[in-house]
Structure formats: C-alpha cells, structure tokens
C-alpha cells in the first residue's frame, strides 16, 4: 500500500466529525439536520484519501456511477 494521503489521526477526526452529525447544513432542506447521503459520500471520500491508491479510487468511482 502507498503512503497514505491522509493521516490516520486526520481520518479519525473527520469521521468523528461526521458521526457527530456534521455537517448539519449541507444538502438538506432542514437546518441543523445532517443529510445521510452527503455524510456517506464525505466518509467515502475521506477513506479513499486515506487509502491513496489510484486503482482503488478509479474502481470505487466506477461503482459509484452505477
């Protein structure tokens, strides 16, 4: 595996932030409420940044497009 593009500590910080219900403003009509789909996409992006492997990222993008 390549050196991670995102440190483990930063990944954990970002995932904790999402798990706490943030962002409470993105992609939703209701203020103070997290959009689960946006949160899932953000979490996936954080994980892909941590893995930092182009082939994995490309395959994951193909799956997302379906």
C-alpha atoms as a PDB file:
ATOM      1  CA  UNK A   1       0.000   0.000   0.000  1.00  0.00           C
ATOM      2  CA  UNK A   2       1.176   3.522  -0.738  1.00  0.00           C
ATOM      3  CA  UNK A   3       1.895   6.084   1.918  1.00  0.00           C
ATOM      4  CA  UNK A   4      -1.495   7.416   2.990  1.00  0.00           C
ATOM      5  CA  UNK A   5      -2.596  10.756   1.565  1.00  0.00           C
ATOM      6  CA  UNK A   6      -4.456  11.461   4.789  1.00  0.00           C
ATOM      7  CA  UNK A   7      -3.048  10.649   8.200  1.00  0.00           C
ATOM      8  CA  UNK A   8      -4.894   8.203  10.426  1.00  0.00           C
ATOM      9  CA  UNK A   9      -5.392  10.932  13.025  1.00  0.00           C
ATOM     10  CA  UNK A  10      -6.964  13.281  10.461  1.00  0.00           C
ATOM     11  CA  UNK A  11      -9.150  10.466   9.115  1.00  0.00           C
ATOM     12  CA  UNK A  12     -10.417   9.719  12.633  1.00  0.00           C
ATOM     13  CA  UNK A  13     -11.031  13.411  13.302  1.00  0.00           C
ATOM     14  CA  UNK A  14     -13.027  13.759  10.075  1.00  0.00           C
ATOM     15  CA  UNK A  15     -15.059  10.595  10.685  1.00  0.00           C
ATOM     16  CA  UNK A  16     -15.804  11.639  14.282  1.00  0.00           C
ATOM     17  CA  UNK A  17     -17.000  14.993  12.946  1.00  0.00           C
ATOM     18  CA  UNK A  18     -19.386  13.203  10.566  1.00  0.00           C
ATOM     19  CA  UNK A  19     -20.521  10.756  13.248  1.00  0.00           C
ATOM     20  CA  UNK A  20     -21.397  13.695  15.492  1.00  0.00           C
ATOM     21  CA  UNK A  21     -23.953  14.832  12.917  1.00  0.00           C
ATOM     22  CA  UNK A  22     -21.896  17.308  10.958  1.00  0.00           C
ATOM     23  CA  UNK A  23     -22.334  18.978   8.581  1.00  0.00           C
ATOM     24  CA  UNK A  24     -25.744  19.993   9.800  1.00  0.00           C
ATOM     25  CA  UNK A  25     -26.240  22.336   6.857  1.00  0.00           C
ATOM     26  CA  UNK A  26     -25.109  20.535   3.690  1.00  0.00           C
ATOM     27  CA  UNK A  27     -27.532  19.019   1.230  1.00  0.00           C
ATOM     28  CA  UNK A  28     -30.692  19.229   3.275  1.00  0.00           C
ATOM     29  CA  UNK A  29     -33.761  21.447   3.378  1.00  0.00           C
ATOM     30  CA  UNK A  30     -33.876  21.251   7.151  1.00  0.00           C
ATOM     31  CA  UNK A  31     -31.389  23.286   9.136  1.00  0.00           C
ATOM     32  CA  UNK A  32     -29.489  21.549  11.905  1.00  0.00           C
ATOM     33  CA  UNK A  33     -30.016  18.136  10.286  1.00  0.00           C
ATOM     34  CA  UNK A  34     -27.355  16.095   8.531  1.00  0.00           C
ATOM     35  CA  UNK A  35     -28.138  14.638   5.136  1.00  0.00           C
ATOM     36  CA  UNK A  36     -27.198  10.940   5.415  1.00  0.00           C
ATOM     37  CA  UNK A  37     -26.330  10.627   1.722  1.00  0.00           C
ATOM     38  CA  UNK A  38     -23.980  13.624   1.843  1.00  0.00           C
ATOM     39  CA  UNK A  39     -22.381  12.272   5.026  1.00  0.00           C
ATOM     40  CA  UNK A  40     -21.869   8.846   3.409  1.00  0.00           C
ATOM     41  CA  UNK A  41     -20.249  10.390   0.334  1.00  0.00           C
ATOM     42  CA  UNK A  42     -17.985  12.508   2.520  1.00  0.00           C
ATOM     43  CA  UNK A  43     -16.981   9.471   4.590  1.00  0.00           C
ATOM     44  CA  UNK A  44     -16.182   7.529   1.420  1.00  0.00           C
ATOM     45  CA  UNK A  45     -14.049  10.407   0.152  1.00  0.00           C
ATOM     46  CA  UNK A  46     -12.178  10.569   3.468  1.00  0.00           C
ATOM     47  CA  UNK A  47     -11.492   6.823   3.321  1.00  0.00           C
ATOM     48  CA  UNK A  48     -10.331   6.990  -0.293  1.00  0.00           C
ATOM     49  CA  UNK A  49      -7.979   9.822   0.625  1.00  0.00           C
ATOM     50  CA  UNK A  50      -6.582   7.672   3.407  1.00  0.00           C
ATOM     51  CA  UNK A  51      -6.052   4.668   1.140  1.00  0.00           C
ATOM     52  CA  UNK A  52      -4.422   6.889  -1.528  1.00  0.00           C
ATOM     53  CA  UNK A  53      -4.371   4.217  -4.233  1.00  0.00           C
ATOM     54  CA  UNK A  54      -5.357   5.377  -7.728  1.00  0.00           C
ATOM     55  CA  UNK A  55      -6.602   1.965  -8.898  1.00  0.00           C
ATOM     56  CA  UNK A  56      -8.863   1.607  -5.859  1.00  0.00           C
ATOM     57  CA  UNK A  57     -10.131   5.163  -6.309  1.00  0.00           C
ATOM     58  CA  UNK A  58     -10.893   4.576 -10.004  1.00  0.00           C
ATOM     59  CA  UNK A  59     -12.753   1.324  -9.331  1.00  0.00           C
ATOM     60  CA  UNK A  60     -14.679   2.906  -6.490  1.00  0.00           C
ATOM     61  CA  UNK A  61     -15.697   5.780  -8.790  1.00  0.00           C
ATOM     62  CA  UNK A  62     -16.992   3.265 -11.338  1.00  0.00           C
ATOM     63  CA  UNK A  63     -19.130   1.604  -8.673  1.00  0.00           C
ATOM     64  CA  UNK A  64     -20.467   4.996  -7.514  1.00  0.00           C
ATOM     65  CA  UNK A  65     -21.523   5.881 -11.063  1.00  0.00           C
ATOM     66  CA  UNK A  66     -23.888   2.914 -11.216  1.00  0.00           C
END
